[in-house]
Amino acid sequence: MPQMMPMEWMTLYITFMMTFLMFNIMNYFTQSPNTTTTKSTSAISVNKMNWK
């Protein structure tokens, strides 16, 4: 291992980094978002108060 040239270390680093990035990207995009079909659009009650 210590006899490796710097270019081989760079190739090894790039290989591991690309593998890590691809793994993270695939995990990010394979998660399906939680879609709620019941739409709760309850009216917000606003108490209008005159401050004057």
PDB file of N, CA and C in Angstrom:
ATOM      1  N   MET A   1       0.796  -1.209   0.000  1.00  0.00           N
ATOM      2  CA  MET A   1       0.000   0.000   0.000  1.00  0.00           C
ATOM      3  C   MET A   1       0.841   1.276   0.000  1.00  0.00           C
ATOM      4  N   PRO A   2       1.870   1.383   0.801  1.00  0.00           N
ATOM      5  CA  PRO A   2       2.635   2.630   0.779  1.00  0.00           C
ATOM      6  C   PRO A   2       3.354   2.872  -0.544  1.00  0.00           C
ATOM      7  N   GLN A   3       3.513   1.829  -1.354  1.00  0.00           N
ATOM      8  CA  GLN A   3       4.213   2.009  -2.621  1.00  0.00           C
ATOM      9  C   GLN A   3       3.318   2.580  -3.713  1.00  0.00           C
ATOM     10  N   MET A   4       2.070   2.841  -3.395  1.00  0.00           N
ATOM     11  CA  MET A   4       1.162   3.327  -4.431  1.00  0.00           C
ATOM     12  C   MET A   4       1.544   4.742  -4.859  1.00  0.00           C
ATOM     13  N   MET A   5       1.384   4.998  -6.117  1.00  0.00           N
ATOM     14  CA  MET A   5       1.663   6.335  -6.625  1.00  0.00           C
ATOM     15  C   MET A   5       0.533   7.279  -6.207  1.00  0.00           C
ATOM     16  N   PRO A   6       0.805   8.573  -6.161  1.00  0.00           N
ATOM     17  CA  PRO A   6      -0.256   9.517  -5.795  1.00  0.00           C
ATOM     18  C   PRO A   6      -1.451   9.485  -6.750  1.00  0.00           C
ATOM     19  N   MET A   7      -1.194   9.191  -8.014  1.00  0.00           N
ATOM     20  CA  MET A   7      -2.302   9.137  -8.967  1.00  0.00           C
ATOM     21  C   MET A   7      -3.229   7.972  -8.635  1.00  0.00           C
ATOM     22  N   GLU A   8      -2.700   6.890  -8.169  1.00  0.00           N
ATOM     23  CA  GLU A   8      -3.543   5.767  -7.776  1.00  0.00           C
ATOM     24  C   GLU A   8      -4.350   6.095  -6.528  1.00  0.00           C
ATOM     25  N   TRP A   9      -3.755   6.867  -5.600  1.00  0.00           N
ATOM     26  CA  TRP A   9      -4.515   7.285  -4.419  1.00  0.00           C
ATOM     27  C   TRP A   9      -5.665   8.196  -4.826  1.00  0.00           C
ATOM     28  N   MET A  10      -5.394   9.060  -5.800  1.00  0.00           N
ATOM     29  CA  MET A  10      -6.438   9.967  -6.273  1.00  0.00           C
ATOM     30  C   MET A  10      -7.559   9.192  -6.954  1.00  0.00           C
ATOM     31  N   THR A  11      -7.210   8.206  -7.734  1.00  0.00           N
ATOM     32  CA  THR A  11      -8.215   7.368  -8.383  1.00  0.00           C
ATOM     33  C   THR A  11      -9.033   6.602  -7.354  1.00  0.00           C
ATOM     34  N   LEU A  12      -8.362   6.097  -6.340  1.00  0.00           N
ATOM     35  CA  LEU A  12      -9.058   5.383  -5.278  1.00  0.00           C
ATOM     36  C   LEU A  12     -10.010   6.306  -4.520  1.00  0.00           C
ATOM     37  N   TYR A  13      -9.540   7.514  -4.234  1.00  0.00           N
ATOM     38  CA  TYR A  13     -10.368   8.500  -3.548  1.00  0.00           C
ATOM     39  C   TYR A  13     -11.600   8.860  -4.383  1.00  0.00           C
ATOM     40  N   ILE A  14     -11.389   9.096  -5.660  1.00  0.00           N
ATOM     41  CA  ILE A  14     -12.507   9.453  -6.538  1.00  0.00           C
ATOM     42  C   ILE A  14     -13.500   8.300  -6.638  1.00  0.00           C
ATOM     43  N   THR A  15     -12.996   7.084  -6.703  1.00  0.00           N
ATOM     44  CA  THR A  15     -13.883   5.917  -6.782  1.00  0.00           C
ATOM     45  C   THR A  15     -14.752   5.804  -5.541  1.00  0.00           C
ATOM     46  N   PHE A  16     -14.147   5.924  -4.361  1.00  0.00           N
ATOM     47  CA  PHE A  16     -14.924   5.831  -3.134  1.00  0.00           C
ATOM     48  C   PHE A  16     -15.882   7.004  -2.982  1.00  0.00           C
ATOM     49  N   MET A  17     -15.451   8.183  -3.379  1.00  0.00           N
ATOM     50  CA  MET A  17     -16.320   9.354  -3.262  1.00  0.00           C
ATOM     51  C   MET A  17     -17.525   9.243  -4.197  1.00  0.00           C
ATOM     52  N   MET A  18     -17.304   8.777  -5.414  1.00  0.00           N
ATOM     53  CA  MET A  18     -18.415   8.629  -6.348  1.00  0.00           C
ATOM     54  C   MET A  18     -19.376   7.532  -5.879  1.00  0.00           C
ATOM     55  N   THR A  19     -18.838   6.459  -5.316  1.00  0.00           N
ATOM     56  CA  THR A  19     -19.687   5.404  -4.772  1.00  0.00           C
ATOM     57  C   THR A  19     -20.530   5.939  -3.617  1.00  0.00           C
ATOM     58  N   PHE A  20     -19.909   6.699  -2.736  1.00  0.00           N
ATOM     59  CA  PHE A  20     -20.616   7.287  -1.603  1.00  0.00           C
ATOM     60  C   PHE A  20     -21.710   8.250  -2.065  1.00  0.00           C
ATOM     61  N   LEU A  21     -21.396   9.093  -3.032  1.00  0.00           N
ATOM     62  CA  LEU A  21     -22.382  10.039  -3.540  1.00  0.00           C
ATOM     63  C   LEU A  21     -23.538   9.335  -4.245  1.00  0.00           C
ATOM     64  N   MET A  22     -23.227   8.329  -5.040  1.00  0.00           N
ATOM     65  CA  MET A  22     -24.294   7.602  -5.730  1.00  0.00           C
ATOM     66  C   MET A  22     -25.202   6.890  -4.734  1.00  0.00           C
ATOM     67  N   PHE A  23     -24.623   6.321  -3.696  1.00  0.00           N
ATOM     68  CA  PHE A  23     -25.418   5.654  -2.660  1.00  0.00           C
ATOM     69  C   PHE A  23     -26.349   6.648  -1.970  1.00  0.00           C
ATOM     70  N   ASN A  24     -25.822   7.822  -1.629  1.00  0.00           N
ATOM     71  CA  ASN A  24     -26.647   8.831  -0.960  1.00  0.00           C
ATOM     72  C   ASN A  24     -27.728   9.389  -1.870  1.00  0.00           C
ATOM     73  N   ILE A  25     -27.401   9.615  -3.119  1.00  0.00           N
ATOM     74  CA  ILE A  25     -28.394  10.143  -4.057  1.00  0.00           C
ATOM     75  C   ILE A  25     -29.503   9.125  -4.288  1.00  0.00           C
ATOM     76  N   MET A  26     -29.126   7.846  -4.434  1.00  0.00           N
ATOM     77  CA  MET A  26     -30.151   6.818  -4.642  1.00  0.00           C
ATOM     78  C   MET A  26     -31.047   6.687  -3.413  1.00  0.00           C
ATOM     79  N   ASN A  27     -30.476   6.773  -2.211  1.00  0.00           N
ATOM     80  CA  ASN A  27     -31.291   6.694  -1.005  1.00  0.00           C
ATOM     81  C   ASN A  27     -32.203   7.901  -0.863  1.00  0.00           C
ATOM     82  N   TYR A  28     -31.733   9.059  -1.293  1.00  0.00           N
ATOM     83  CA  TYR A  28     -32.546  10.268  -1.185  1.00  0.00           C
ATOM     84  C   TYR A  28     -33.752  10.203  -2.123  1.00  0.00           C
ATOM     85  N   PHE A  29     -33.533   9.774  -3.356  1.00  0.00           N
ATOM     86  CA  PHE A  29     -34.607   9.798  -4.342  1.00  0.00           C
ATOM     87  C   PHE A  29     -35.515   8.576  -4.294  1.00  0.00           C
ATOM     88  N   THR A  30     -35.141   7.509  -3.583  1.00  0.00           N
ATOM     89  CA  THR A  30     -36.019   6.350  -3.511  1.00  0.00           C
ATOM     90  C   THR A  30     -37.030   6.461  -2.388  1.00  0.00           C
ATOM     91  N   GLN A  31     -36.872   7.428  -1.500  1.00  0.00           N
ATOM     92  CA  GLN A  31     -37.850   7.601  -0.432  1.00  0.00           C
ATOM     93  C   GLN A  31     -39.071   8.312  -0.986  1.00  0.00           C
ATOM     94  N   SER A  32     -40.230   7.664  -0.848  1.00  0.00           N
ATOM     95  CA  SER A  32     -41.450   8.295  -1.328  1.00  0.00           C
ATOM     96  C   SER A  32     -42.004   9.212  -0.240  1.00  0.00           C
ATOM     97  N   PRO A  33     -42.433  10.396  -0.618  1.00  0.00           N
ATOM     98  CA  PRO A  33     -42.960  11.321   0.393  1.00  0.00           C
ATOM     99  C   PRO A  33     -44.310  10.851   0.912  1.00  0.00           C
ATOM    100  N   ASN A  34     -44.611  11.205   2.133  1.00  0.00           N
ATOM    101  CA  ASN A  34     -45.887  10.845   2.731  1.00  0.00           C
ATOM    102  C   ASN A  34     -46.966  11.790   2.211  1.00  0.00           C
ATOM    103  N   THR A  35     -47.788  11.261   1.318  1.00  0.00           N
ATOM    104  CA  THR A  35     -48.857  12.092   0.774  1.00  0.00           C
ATOM    105  C   THR A  35     -50.140  11.785   1.535  1.00  0.00           C
ATOM    106  N   THR A  36     -50.723  12.808   2.087  1.00  0.00           N
ATOM    107  CA  THR A  36     -51.974  12.632   2.812  1.00  0.00           C
ATOM    108  C   THR A  36     -53.122  12.938   1.863  1.00  0.00           C
ATOM    109  N   THR A  37     -54.019  11.981   1.726  1.00  0.00           N
ATOM    110  CA  THR A  37     -55.133  12.162   0.821  1.00  0.00           C
ATOM    111  C   THR A  37     -56.253  12.958   1.468  1.00  0.00           C
ATOM    112  N   THR A  38     -56.319  12.950   2.785  1.00  0.00           N
ATOM    113  CA  THR A  38     -57.349  13.727   3.466  1.00  0.00           C
ATOM    114  C   THR A  38     -56.852  15.147   3.617  1.00  0.00           C
ATOM    115  N   LYS A  39     -57.508  16.030   2.913  1.00  0.00           N
ATOM    116  CA  LYS A  39     -57.088  17.414   2.920  1.00  0.00           C
ATOM    117  C   LYS A  39     -57.817  18.144   4.039  1.00  0.00           C
ATOM    118  N   SER A  40     -57.087  18.568   5.017  1.00  0.00           N
ATOM    119  CA  SER A  40     -57.710  19.243   6.154  1.00  0.00           C
ATOM    120  C   SER A  40     -57.569  20.753   5.977  1.00  0.00           C
ATOM    121  N   THR A  41     -58.560  21.316   5.344  1.00  0.00           N
ATOM    122  CA  THR A  41     -58.556  22.763   5.144  1.00  0.00           C
ATOM    123  C   THR A  41     -59.577  23.381   6.092  1.00  0.00           C
ATOM    124  N   SER A  42     -59.269  23.291   7.348  1.00  0.00           N
ATOM    125  CA  SER A  42     -60.175  23.876   8.325  1.00  0.00           C
ATOM    126  C   SER A  42     -59.981  25.385   8.341  1.00  0.00           C
ATOM    127  N   ALA A  43     -61.079  26.074   8.480  1.00  0.00           N
ATOM    128  CA  ALA A  43     -61.026  27.534   8.477  1.00  0.00           C
ATOM    129  C   ALA A  43     -60.360  28.016   9.759  1.00  0.00           C
ATOM    130  N   ILE A  44     -59.477  28.970   9.590  1.00  0.00           N
ATOM    131  CA  ILE A  44     -58.791  29.542  10.743  1.00  0.00           C
ATOM    132  C   ILE A  44     -59.698  30.609  11.348  1.00  0.00           C
ATOM    133  N   SER A  45     -60.013  30.422  12.604  1.00  0.00           N
ATOM    134  CA  SER A  45     -60.891  31.400  13.258  1.00  0.00           C
ATOM    135  C   SER A  45     -60.046  32.587  13.717  1.00  0.00           C
ATOM    136  N   VAL A  46     -60.451  33.746  13.237  1.00  0.00           N
ATOM    137  CA  VAL A  46     -59.737  34.969  13.570  1.00  0.00           C
ATOM    138  C   VAL A  46     -60.677  35.850  14.386  1.00  0.00           C
ATOM    139  N   ASN A  47     -60.241  36.190  15.576  1.00  0.00           N
ATOM    140  CA  ASN A  47     -61.018  37.100  16.407  1.00  0.00           C
ATOM    141  C   ASN A  47     -60.591  38.512  16.086  1.00  0.00           C
ATOM    142  N   LYS A  48     -61.481  39.245  15.389  1.00  0.00           N
ATOM    143  CA  LYS A  48     -61.137  40.610  15.021  1.00  0.00           C
ATOM    144  C   LYS A  48     -61.492  41.513  16.188  1.00  0.00           C
ATOM    145  N   MET A  49     -60.470  42.159  16.688  1.00  0.00           N
ATOM    146  CA  MET A  49     -60.656  43.050  17.814  1.00  0.00           C
ATOM    147  C   MET A  49     -60.223  44.449  17.415  1.00  0.00           C
ATOM    148  N   ASN A  50     -60.991  45.441  17.815  1.00  0.00           N
ATOM    149  CA  ASN A  50     -60.669  46.808  17.535  1.00  0.00           C
ATOM    150  C   ASN A  50     -59.727  47.296  18.624  1.00  0.00           C
ATOM    151  N   TRP A  51     -58.538  47.710  18.270  1.00  0.00           N
ATOM    152  CA  TRP A  51     -57.567  48.104  19.271  1.00  0.00           C
ATOM    153  C   TRP A  51     -57.683  49.576  19.632  1.00  0.00           C
ATOM    154  N   LYS A  52     -58.554  50.311  18.936  1.00  0.00           N
ATOM    155  CA  LYS A  52     -58.697  51.740  19.239  1.00  0.00           C
ATOM    156  C   LYS A  52     -59.658  51.956  20.388  1.00  0.00           C
TER     157      LYS A  52
END
